Amino acid sequence: MHVSNTSLLMLQDDECLPESLFVYGGPSVGKTSIIMRYLECVGLNYARVNCIECYSHRLMFDTLLDQLMPSSGASDKCDNLMQFLAILRIAHQKGHLVRRTVIVLDGIEKLEELSEHYLSAFSRLQELSGVSLLCTIFISHILPEKFNVDSSMIKIRFSQYNKDELLQILQRGKQAHCSEKFFKNYLNAVLSVFLRSTRDLNEMKNLVTMNFKRYCEPIDSGKVEKDDVASLWRHIVPHLKASLNTVYLRTGFRFY
């Protein structure tokens, strides 16, 4: 996986913060976990909301304000964007939000369902709130070009895992009773069938778990030796191809 380090380094600048960053990449490539870990490591104040879970305006604003100003009680009165901006402005005047602060909006493909104006407003949060130490990070599995965002917005792309990276990660799931060589042979069989259909790490983990018992069946029955890779391959391929249908069903609707 390759991430643009230069853009993230801007968050370490003590003097200023970019108004917004757009982080994108396919599912299960570590976008959210890496961004959140990075914010913790550089010591930035932050608030995160998963837009997919926000079924109302108030829920989103309450969630953010509870993290930004947990003891203020301001979120009790926030029902819309204008109130949210006013609360930020007043809080800043009272000495709050004096540290560099990042608002992380995860799953922003759902943000426009709340309001078509939210994306634009959050990308200009410094300007609209008057708080210069605010930055918004948008996270999505959809390309930024599919959103109505300023072309000058800083973009950070998380690339898909390649085969070697997937193999390395999946090997961590090896069960204690089998050797590394045996499990690696199994993973290579799985990846050879599924890699063109999906690189979603969670999907791949599910497929590996789901088919491992079948892969071991000829060994458990005594028909095949565990080092007979060719026979094990011939046995598992039909099952892997059958599982391929579930991959198409689950991933067929994804845009990215």
C-alpha atoms as a PDB file:
ATOM      1  CA  MET A   1       0.000   0.000   0.000  1.00  0.00           C
ATOM      2  CA  HIS A   2       1.319   3.428  -0.901  1.00  0.00           C
ATOM      3  CA  VAL A   3       0.222   6.652   0.776  1.00  0.00           C
ATOM      4  CA  SER A   4       1.277  10.210   0.025  1.00  0.00           C
ATOM      5  CA  ASN A   5       3.344  11.172   3.075  1.00  0.00           C
ATOM      6  CA  THR A   6       3.908  14.750   1.893  1.00  0.00           C
ATOM      7  CA  SER A   7       0.262  15.751   2.300  1.00  0.00           C
ATOM      8  CA  LEU A   8      -0.007  14.205   5.750  1.00  0.00           C
ATOM      9  CA  LEU A   9       3.104  16.071   6.873  1.00  0.00           C
ATOM     10  CA  MET A  10       1.134  19.296   6.489  1.00  0.00           C
ATOM     11  CA  LEU A  11      -0.799  18.284   9.601  1.00  0.00           C
ATOM     12  CA  GLN A  12       2.438  18.551  11.585  1.00  0.00           C
ATOM     13  CA  ASP A  13       2.902  22.234  10.740  1.00  0.00           C
ATOM     14  CA  ASP A  14       2.593  24.192  13.984  1.00  0.00           C
ATOM     15  CA  GLU A  15       1.622  27.374  12.171  1.00  0.00           C
ATOM     16  CA  CYS A  16      -1.409  26.307  10.148  1.00  0.00           C
ATOM     17  CA  LEU A  17      -3.642  23.502   8.952  1.00  0.00           C
ATOM     18  CA  PRO A  18      -5.009  22.871   5.470  1.00  0.00           C
ATOM     19  CA  GLU A  19      -8.743  23.569   5.283  1.00  0.00           C
ATOM     20  CA  SER A  20      -9.498  20.044   4.150  1.00  0.00           C
ATOM     21  CA  LEU A  21      -8.059  16.765   2.909  1.00  0.00           C
ATOM     22  CA  PHE A  22      -9.775  14.081   0.830  1.00  0.00           C
ATOM     23  CA  VAL A  23      -8.650  10.538   1.636  1.00  0.00           C
ATOM     24  CA  TYR A  24      -9.827   7.811  -0.729  1.00  0.00           C
ATOM     25  CA  GLY A  25      -9.155   4.227  -1.726  1.00  0.00           C
ATOM     26  CA  GLY A  26     -10.837   0.858  -2.001  1.00  0.00           C
ATOM     27  CA  PRO A  27     -12.530  -0.928   0.906  1.00  0.00           C
ATOM     28  CA  SER A  28     -10.351  -2.424   3.659  1.00  0.00           C
ATOM     29  CA  VAL A  29      -7.070  -0.702   2.764  1.00  0.00           C
ATOM     30  CA  GLY A  30      -6.666   0.933   6.174  1.00  0.00           C
ATOM     31  CA  LYS A  31      -7.809   4.479   5.381  1.00  0.00           C
ATOM     32  CA  THR A  32      -9.599   5.183   8.643  1.00  0.00           C
ATOM     33  CA  SER A  33      -7.340   3.210  10.985  1.00  0.00           C
ATOM     34  CA  ILE A  34      -4.152   4.755   9.601  1.00  0.00           C
ATOM     35  CA  ILE A  35      -5.518   8.302   9.579  1.00  0.00           C
ATOM     36  CA  MET A  36      -6.784   8.018  13.155  1.00  0.00           C
ATOM     37  CA  ARG A  37      -3.534   6.483  14.352  1.00  0.00           C
ATOM     38  CA  TYR A  38      -1.591   9.243  12.615  1.00  0.00           C
ATOM     39  CA  LEU A  39      -3.651  11.958  14.318  1.00  0.00           C
ATOM     40  CA  GLU A  40      -2.948  10.344  17.683  1.00  0.00           C
ATOM     41  CA  CYS A  41       0.776  10.097  16.968  1.00  0.00           C
ATOM     42  CA  VAL A  42       1.145  13.771  16.016  1.00  0.00           C
ATOM     43  CA  GLY A  43      -0.950  14.844  18.998  1.00  0.00           C
ATOM     44  CA  LEU A  44      -3.810  16.579  17.218  1.00  0.00           C
ATOM     45  CA  ASN A  45      -7.200  17.104  18.818  1.00  0.00           C
ATOM     46  CA  TYR A  46      -9.813  15.341  16.697  1.00  0.00           C
ATOM     47  CA  ALA A  47     -13.432  14.278  16.377  1.00  0.00           C
ATOM     48  CA  ARG A  48     -14.661  11.512  14.090  1.00  0.00           C
ATOM     49  CA  VAL A  49     -18.083  10.595  12.820  1.00  0.00           C
ATOM     50  CA  ASN A  50     -19.134   7.738  10.553  1.00  0.00           C
ATOM     51  CA  CYS A  51     -21.587   9.353   8.135  1.00  0.00           C
ATOM     52  CA  ILE A  52     -23.034   5.965   7.228  1.00  0.00           C
ATOM     53  CA  GLU A  53     -24.371   5.671  10.787  1.00  0.00           C
ATOM     54  CA  CYS A  54     -25.793   9.206  10.904  1.00  0.00           C
ATOM     55  CA  TYR A  55     -29.499   9.010  10.118  1.00  0.00           C
ATOM     56  CA  SER A  56     -30.151  12.612  11.190  1.00  0.00           C
ATOM     57  CA  HIS A  57     -28.484  16.028  11.160  1.00  0.00           C
ATOM     58  CA  ARG A  58     -28.577  16.246  14.927  1.00  0.00           C
ATOM     59  CA  LEU A  59     -26.895  12.897  15.436  1.00  0.00           C
ATOM     60  CA  MET A  60     -23.951  13.965  13.297  1.00  0.00           C
ATOM     61  CA  PHE A  61     -23.490  17.352  14.962  1.00  0.00           C
ATOM     62  CA  ASP A  62     -24.023  15.933  18.459  1.00  0.00           C
ATOM     63  CA  THR A  63     -21.404  13.258  17.844  1.00  0.00           C
ATOM     64  CA  LEU A  64     -18.844  15.809  16.678  1.00  0.00           C
ATOM     65  CA  LEU A  65     -19.484  18.341  19.439  1.00  0.00           C
ATOM     66  CA  ASP A  66     -19.446  15.707  22.171  1.00  0.00           C
ATOM     67  CA  GLN A  67     -15.889  14.877  21.107  1.00  0.00           C
ATOM     68  CA  LEU A  68     -14.712  18.429  20.435  1.00  0.00           C
ATOM     69  CA  MET A  69     -16.146  19.929  23.634  1.00  0.00           C
ATOM     70  CA  PRO A  70     -17.217  17.031  25.867  1.00  0.00           C
ATOM     71  CA  SER A  71     -17.942  19.176  28.925  1.00  0.00           C
ATOM     72  CA  SER A  72     -19.678  22.127  27.259  1.00  0.00           C
ATOM     73  CA  GLY A  73     -23.145  20.610  26.741  1.00  0.00           C
ATOM     74  CA  ALA A  74     -23.345  22.563  23.489  1.00  0.00           C
ATOM     75  CA  SER A  75     -24.555  19.604  21.461  1.00  0.00           C
ATOM     76  CA  ASP A  76     -27.923  19.718  23.295  1.00  0.00           C
ATOM     77  CA  LYS A  77     -28.870  22.727  21.184  1.00  0.00           C
ATOM     78  CA  CYS A  78     -27.417  21.796  17.795  1.00  0.00           C
ATOM     79  CA  ASP A  79     -29.866  20.732  15.096  1.00  0.00           C
ATOM     80  CA  ASN A  80     -28.380  22.185  11.903  1.00  0.00           C
ATOM     81  CA  LEU A  81     -25.255  23.478  10.214  1.00  0.00           C
ATOM     82  CA  MET A  82     -25.790  27.138  11.114  1.00  0.00           C
ATOM     83  CA  GLN A  83     -26.074  26.278  14.807  1.00  0.00           C
ATOM     84  CA  PHE A  84     -23.000  24.073  14.538  1.00  0.00           C
ATOM     85  CA  LEU A  85     -20.964  26.933  13.062  1.00  0.00           C
ATOM     86  CA  ALA A  86     -22.252  29.343  15.701  1.00  0.00           C
ATOM     87  CA  ILE A  87     -21.300  26.942  18.504  1.00  0.00           C
ATOM     88  CA  LEU A  88     -17.789  26.581  17.095  1.00  0.00           C
ATOM     89  CA  ARG A  89     -17.452  30.349  16.774  1.00  0.00           C
ATOM     90  CA  ILE A  90     -18.652  31.070  20.319  1.00  0.00           C
ATOM     91  CA  ALA A  91     -16.556  28.249  21.778  1.00  0.00           C
ATOM     92  CA  HIS A  92     -13.466  29.660  20.104  1.00  0.00           C
ATOM     93  CA  GLN A  93     -14.198  33.130  21.491  1.00  0.00           C
ATOM     94  CA  LYS A  94     -14.469  31.620  24.979  1.00  0.00           C
ATOM     95  CA  GLY A  95     -11.052  30.011  24.709  1.00  0.00           C
ATOM     96  CA  HIS A  96     -12.012  26.578  23.393  1.00  0.00           C
ATOM     97  CA  LEU A  97     -10.679  25.078  20.148  1.00  0.00           C
ATOM     98  CA  VAL A  98      -7.335  26.818  20.635  1.00  0.00           C
ATOM     99  CA  ARG A  99      -5.474  23.633  19.734  1.00  0.00           C
ATOM    100  CA  ARG A 100      -5.135  22.393  16.181  1.00  0.00           C
ATOM    101  CA  THR A 101      -8.236  20.277  15.620  1.00  0.00           C
ATOM    102  CA  VAL A 102      -9.251  17.835  12.898  1.00  0.00           C
ATOM    103  CA  ILE A 103     -12.800  16.750  12.087  1.00  0.00           C
ATOM    104  CA  VAL A 104     -12.866  13.356  10.376  1.00  0.00           C
ATOM    105  CA  LEU A 105     -15.939  12.578   8.276  1.00  0.00           C
ATOM    106  CA  ASP A 106     -15.815   8.898   7.377  1.00  0.00           C
ATOM    107  CA  GLY A 107     -18.000   7.341   4.676  1.00  0.00           C
ATOM    108  CA  ILE A 108     -18.882  10.684   3.106  1.00  0.00           C
ATOM    109  CA  GLU A 109     -20.710   9.012   0.235  1.00  0.00           C
ATOM    110  CA  LYS A 110     -23.649   9.099   2.685  1.00  0.00           C
ATOM    111  CA  LEU A 111     -23.103  12.718   3.740  1.00  0.00           C
ATOM    112  CA  GLU A 112     -24.975  14.161   0.768  1.00  0.00           C
ATOM    113  CA  GLU A 113     -28.063  12.185   1.767  1.00  0.00           C
ATOM    114  CA  LEU A 114     -28.323  14.494   4.788  1.00  0.00           C
ATOM    115  CA  SER A 115     -27.660  17.639   2.763  1.00  0.00           C
ATOM    116  CA  GLU A 116     -26.083  18.404  -0.577  1.00  0.00           C
ATOM    117  CA  HIS A 117     -24.424  21.458   1.002  1.00  0.00           C
ATOM    118  CA  TYR A 118     -22.557  19.699   3.808  1.00  0.00           C
ATOM    119  CA  LEU A 119     -19.568  18.630   1.739  1.00  0.00           C
ATOM    120  CA  SER A 120     -18.907  22.174   0.580  1.00  0.00           C
ATOM    121  CA  ALA A 121     -19.515  23.634   4.040  1.00  0.00           C
ATOM    122  CA  PHE A 122     -17.190  21.256   5.861  1.00  0.00           C
ATOM    123  CA  SER A 123     -14.466  21.820   3.274  1.00  0.00           C
ATOM    124  CA  ARG A 124     -14.624  25.544   4.163  1.00  0.00           C
ATOM    125  CA  LEU A 125     -15.004  25.119   7.914  1.00  0.00           C
ATOM    126  CA  GLN A 126     -12.124  27.461   8.750  1.00  0.00           C
ATOM    127  CA  GLU A 127     -13.699  30.254   6.737  1.00  0.00           C
ATOM    128  CA  LEU A 128     -17.303  29.701   7.848  1.00  0.00           C
ATOM    129  CA  SER A 129     -16.576  29.228  11.556  1.00  0.00           C
ATOM    130  CA  GLY A 130     -13.755  31.722  11.887  1.00  0.00           C
ATOM    131  CA  VAL A 131     -11.630  29.062  13.613  1.00  0.00           C
ATOM    132  CA  SER A 132      -8.312  28.933  11.775  1.00  0.00           C
ATOM    133  CA  LEU A 133      -7.052  25.831  13.585  1.00  0.00           C
ATOM    134  CA  LEU A 134      -9.711  23.544  12.095  1.00  0.00           C
ATOM    135  CA  CYS A 135      -9.201  20.988   9.338  1.00  0.00           C
ATOM    136  CA  THR A 136     -11.714  18.539   7.864  1.00  0.00           C
ATOM    137  CA  ILE A 137     -10.614  15.143   6.576  1.00  0.00           C
ATOM    138  CA  PHE A 138     -13.077  13.412   4.249  1.00  0.00           C
ATOM    139  CA  ILE A 139     -12.754   9.629   3.874  1.00  0.00           C
ATOM    140  CA  SER A 140     -14.434   7.638   1.105  1.00  0.00           C
ATOM    141  CA  HIS A 141     -14.027   4.559  -1.068  1.00  0.00           C
ATOM    142  CA  ILE A 142     -15.333   6.614  -4.001  1.00  0.00           C
ATOM    143  CA  LEU A 143     -13.127   8.745  -6.233  1.00  0.00           C
ATOM    144  CA  PRO A 144     -13.087  12.468  -5.324  1.00  0.00           C
ATOM    145  CA  GLU A 145     -14.038  13.338  -8.904  1.00  0.00           C
ATOM    146  CA  LYS A 146     -17.479  11.875  -8.210  1.00  0.00           C
ATOM    147  CA  PHE A 147     -18.142  14.527  -5.570  1.00  0.00           C
ATOM    148  CA  ASN A 148     -18.704  18.231  -5.969  1.00  0.00           C
ATOM    149  CA  VAL A 149     -15.438  19.244  -4.315  1.00  0.00           C
ATOM    150  CA  ASP A 150     -12.958  21.979  -5.103  1.00  0.00           C
ATOM    151  CA  SER A 151     -10.352  20.673  -7.536  1.00  0.00           C
ATOM    152  CA  SER A 152      -7.639  22.302  -5.423  1.00  0.00           C
ATOM    153  CA  MET A 153      -8.512  20.195  -2.358  1.00  0.00           C
ATOM    154  CA  ILE A 154      -5.572  18.095  -1.194  1.00  0.00           C
ATOM    155  CA  LYS A 155      -6.142  14.424  -2.051  1.00  0.00           C
ATOM    156  CA  ILE A 156      -4.507  11.369  -0.508  1.00  0.00           C
ATOM    157  CA  ARG A 157      -4.913   8.015  -2.223  1.00  0.00           C
ATOM    158  CA  PHE A 158      -4.616   4.656  -0.490  1.00  0.00           C
ATOM    159  CA  SER A 159      -3.808   2.074  -3.145  1.00  0.00           C
ATOM    160  CA  GLN A 160      -5.089  -1.487  -3.131  1.00  0.00           C
ATOM    161  CA  TYR A 161      -2.958  -4.215  -1.610  1.00  0.00           C
ATOM    162  CA  ASN A 162      -0.920  -6.185  -4.132  1.00  0.00           C
ATOM    163  CA  LYS A 163      -0.631  -9.969  -4.026  1.00  0.00           C
ATOM    164  CA  ASP A 164       2.498 -10.060  -1.866  1.00  0.00           C
ATOM    165  CA  GLU A 165       0.967  -7.654   0.663  1.00  0.00           C
ATOM    166  CA  LEU A 166      -2.248  -9.667   0.855  1.00  0.00           C
ATOM    167  CA  LEU A 167      -0.267 -12.865   1.285  1.00  0.00           C
ATOM    168  CA  GLN A 168       1.765 -11.352   4.103  1.00  0.00           C
ATOM    169  CA  ILE A 169      -1.325 -10.094   5.936  1.00  0.00           C
ATOM    170  CA  LEU A 170      -3.366 -13.260   5.459  1.00  0.00           C
ATOM    171  CA  GLN A 171      -0.522 -15.429   6.744  1.00  0.00           C
ATOM    172  CA  ARG A 172      -1.083 -13.885  10.169  1.00  0.00           C
ATOM    173  CA  GLY A 173      -4.286 -15.919  10.328  1.00  0.00           C
ATOM    174  CA  LYS A 174      -2.416 -19.222  10.210  1.00  0.00           C
ATOM    175  CA  GLN A 175      -3.754 -21.757  12.667  1.00  0.00           C
ATOM    176  CA  ALA A 176      -1.286 -23.191  15.165  1.00  0.00           C
ATOM    177  CA  HIS A 177      -1.623 -26.789  13.975  1.00  0.00           C
ATOM    178  CA  CYS A 178      -0.499 -26.191  10.373  1.00  0.00           C
ATOM    179  CA  SER A 179       2.911 -25.252   9.022  1.00  0.00           C
ATOM    180  CA  GLU A 180       3.701 -21.935   7.358  1.00  0.00           C
ATOM    181  CA  LYS A 181       4.483 -23.712   4.087  1.00  0.00           C
ATOM    182  CA  PHE A 182       1.176 -25.586   4.048  1.00  0.00           C
ATOM    183  CA  PHE A 183      -0.871 -22.474   4.815  1.00  0.00           C
ATOM    184  CA  LYS A 184       1.046 -20.413   2.268  1.00  0.00           C
ATOM    185  CA  ASN A 185       0.283 -22.997  -0.430  1.00  0.00           C
ATOM    186  CA  TYR A 186      -3.384 -22.732   0.488  1.00  0.00           C
ATOM    187  CA  LEU A 187      -3.306 -18.932   0.368  1.00  0.00           C
ATOM    188  CA  ASN A 188      -1.654 -18.986  -3.041  1.00  0.00           C
ATOM    189  CA  ALA A 189      -4.472 -21.208  -4.301  1.00  0.00           C
ATOM    190  CA  VAL A 190      -7.095 -18.821  -2.913  1.00  0.00           C
ATOM    191  CA  LEU A 191      -5.404 -15.713  -4.297  1.00  0.00           C
ATOM    192  CA  SER A 192      -4.933 -17.254  -7.738  1.00  0.00           C
ATOM    193  CA  VAL A 193      -8.719 -17.631  -8.035  1.00  0.00           C
ATOM    194  CA  PHE A 194     -10.013 -14.525  -6.253  1.00  0.00           C
ATOM    195  CA  LEU A 195      -7.422 -11.828  -6.882  1.00  0.00           C
ATOM    196  CA  ARG A 196      -8.981 -10.619 -10.127  1.00  0.00           C
ATOM    197  CA  SER A 197     -12.420 -10.403  -8.536  1.00  0.00           C
ATOM    198  CA  THR A 198     -11.615  -8.668  -5.261  1.00  0.00           C
ATOM    199  CA  ARG A 199      -8.738  -7.179  -3.292  1.00  0.00           C
ATOM    200  CA  ASP A 200     -10.967  -6.332  -0.358  1.00  0.00           C
ATOM    201  CA  LEU A 201      -9.017  -7.586   2.659  1.00  0.00           C
ATOM    202  CA  ASN A 202     -12.110  -8.358   4.742  1.00  0.00           C
ATOM    203  CA  GLU A 203     -13.661 -10.241   1.836  1.00  0.00           C
ATOM    204  CA  MET A 204     -10.452 -12.186   1.325  1.00  0.00           C
ATOM    205  CA  LYS A 205     -10.208 -13.092   5.024  1.00  0.00           C
ATOM    206  CA  ASN A 206     -13.749 -14.422   4.885  1.00  0.00           C
ATOM    207  CA  LEU A 207     -13.002 -16.533   1.807  1.00  0.00           C
ATOM    208  CA  VAL A 208      -9.821 -17.931   3.354  1.00  0.00           C
ATOM    209  CA  THR A 209     -11.662 -18.958   6.518  1.00  0.00           C
ATOM    210  CA  MET A 210     -14.672 -20.319   4.653  1.00  0.00           C
ATOM    211  CA  ASN A 211     -12.691 -22.664   2.375  1.00  0.00           C
ATOM    212  CA  PHE A 212      -9.835 -23.849   4.583  1.00  0.00           C
ATOM    213  CA  LYS A 213     -11.716 -26.809   6.047  1.00  0.00           C
ATOM    214  CA  ARG A 214     -12.567 -28.052   2.549  1.00  0.00           C
ATOM    215  CA  TYR A 215      -8.921 -27.702   1.526  1.00  0.00           C
ATOM    216  CA  CYS A 216      -7.957 -30.036   4.389  1.00  0.00           C
ATOM    217  CA  GLU A 217     -10.667 -32.643   3.691  1.00  0.00           C
ATOM    218  CA  PRO A 218      -8.510 -34.960   1.483  1.00  0.00           C
ATOM    219  CA  ILE A 219      -5.767 -34.887   4.121  1.00  0.00           C
ATOM    220  CA  ASP A 220      -8.165 -35.613   6.986  1.00  0.00           C
ATOM    221  CA  SER A 221      -9.629 -38.561   5.062  1.00  0.00           C
ATOM    222  CA  GLY A 222      -6.174 -39.958   4.287  1.00  0.00           C
ATOM    223  CA  LYS A 223      -6.583 -39.686   0.518  1.00  0.00           C
ATOM    224  CA  VAL A 224      -3.902 -37.044  -0.021  1.00  0.00           C
ATOM    225  CA  GLU A 225      -0.617 -36.175   1.680  1.00  0.00           C
ATOM    226  CA  LYS A 226      -0.361 -32.622   2.986  1.00  0.00           C
ATOM    227  CA  ASP A 227       2.628 -31.891   0.731  1.00  0.00           C
ATOM    228  CA  ASP A 228       0.786 -33.034  -2.436  1.00  0.00           C
ATOM    229  CA  VAL A 229       0.100 -29.497  -3.633  1.00  0.00           C
ATOM    230  CA  ALA A 230      -1.189 -30.523  -7.078  1.00  0.00           C
ATOM    231  CA  SER A 231      -3.860 -32.882  -5.700  1.00  0.00           C
ATOM    232  CA  LEU A 232      -4.950 -30.373  -3.085  1.00  0.00           C
ATOM    233  CA  TRP A 233      -5.197 -27.747  -5.816  1.00  0.00           C
ATOM    234  CA  ARG A 234      -7.415 -29.947  -7.989  1.00  0.00           C
ATOM    235  CA  HIS A 235      -9.627 -30.656  -4.989  1.00  0.00           C
ATOM    236  CA  ILE A 236     -10.114 -27.063  -3.851  1.00  0.00           C
ATOM    237  CA  VAL A 237     -10.488 -25.259  -7.191  1.00  0.00           C
ATOM    238  CA  PRO A 238     -14.164 -26.232  -7.770  1.00  0.00           C
ATOM    239  CA  HIS A 239     -15.044 -25.037  -4.270  1.00  0.00           C
ATOM    240  CA  LEU A 240     -13.166 -21.770  -4.759  1.00  0.00           C
ATOM    241  CA  LYS A 241     -14.927 -21.150  -8.054  1.00  0.00           C
ATOM    242  CA  ALA A 242     -18.273 -21.795  -6.384  1.00  0.00           C
ATOM    243  CA  SER A 243     -17.363 -19.247  -3.712  1.00  0.00           C
ATOM    244  CA  LEU A 244     -16.560 -16.796  -6.483  1.00  0.00           C
ATOM    245  CA  ASN A 245     -20.303 -16.322  -7.034  1.00  0.00           C
ATOM    246  CA  THR A 246     -20.675 -14.904  -3.527  1.00  0.00           C
ATOM    247  CA  VAL A 247     -17.889 -12.425  -4.267  1.00  0.00           C
ATOM    248  CA  TYR A 248     -19.709 -11.167  -7.350  1.00  0.00           C
ATOM    249  CA  LEU A 249     -22.929 -10.789  -5.388  1.00  0.00           C
ATOM    250  CA  ARG A 250     -21.293  -8.822  -2.563  1.00  0.00           C
ATOM    251  CA  THR A 251     -18.977  -6.641  -4.628  1.00  0.00           C
ATOM    252  CA  GLY A 252     -20.974  -6.146  -7.792  1.00  0.00           C
ATOM    253  CA  PHE A 253     -22.670  -2.970  -6.545  1.00  0.00           C
ATOM    254  CA  ARG A 254     -19.491  -1.209  -5.448  1.00  0.00           C
ATOM    255  CA  PHE A 255     -18.395   1.715  -7.529  1.00  0.00           C
ATOM    256  CA  TYR A 256     -14.748   1.828  -6.545  1.00  0.00           C
END
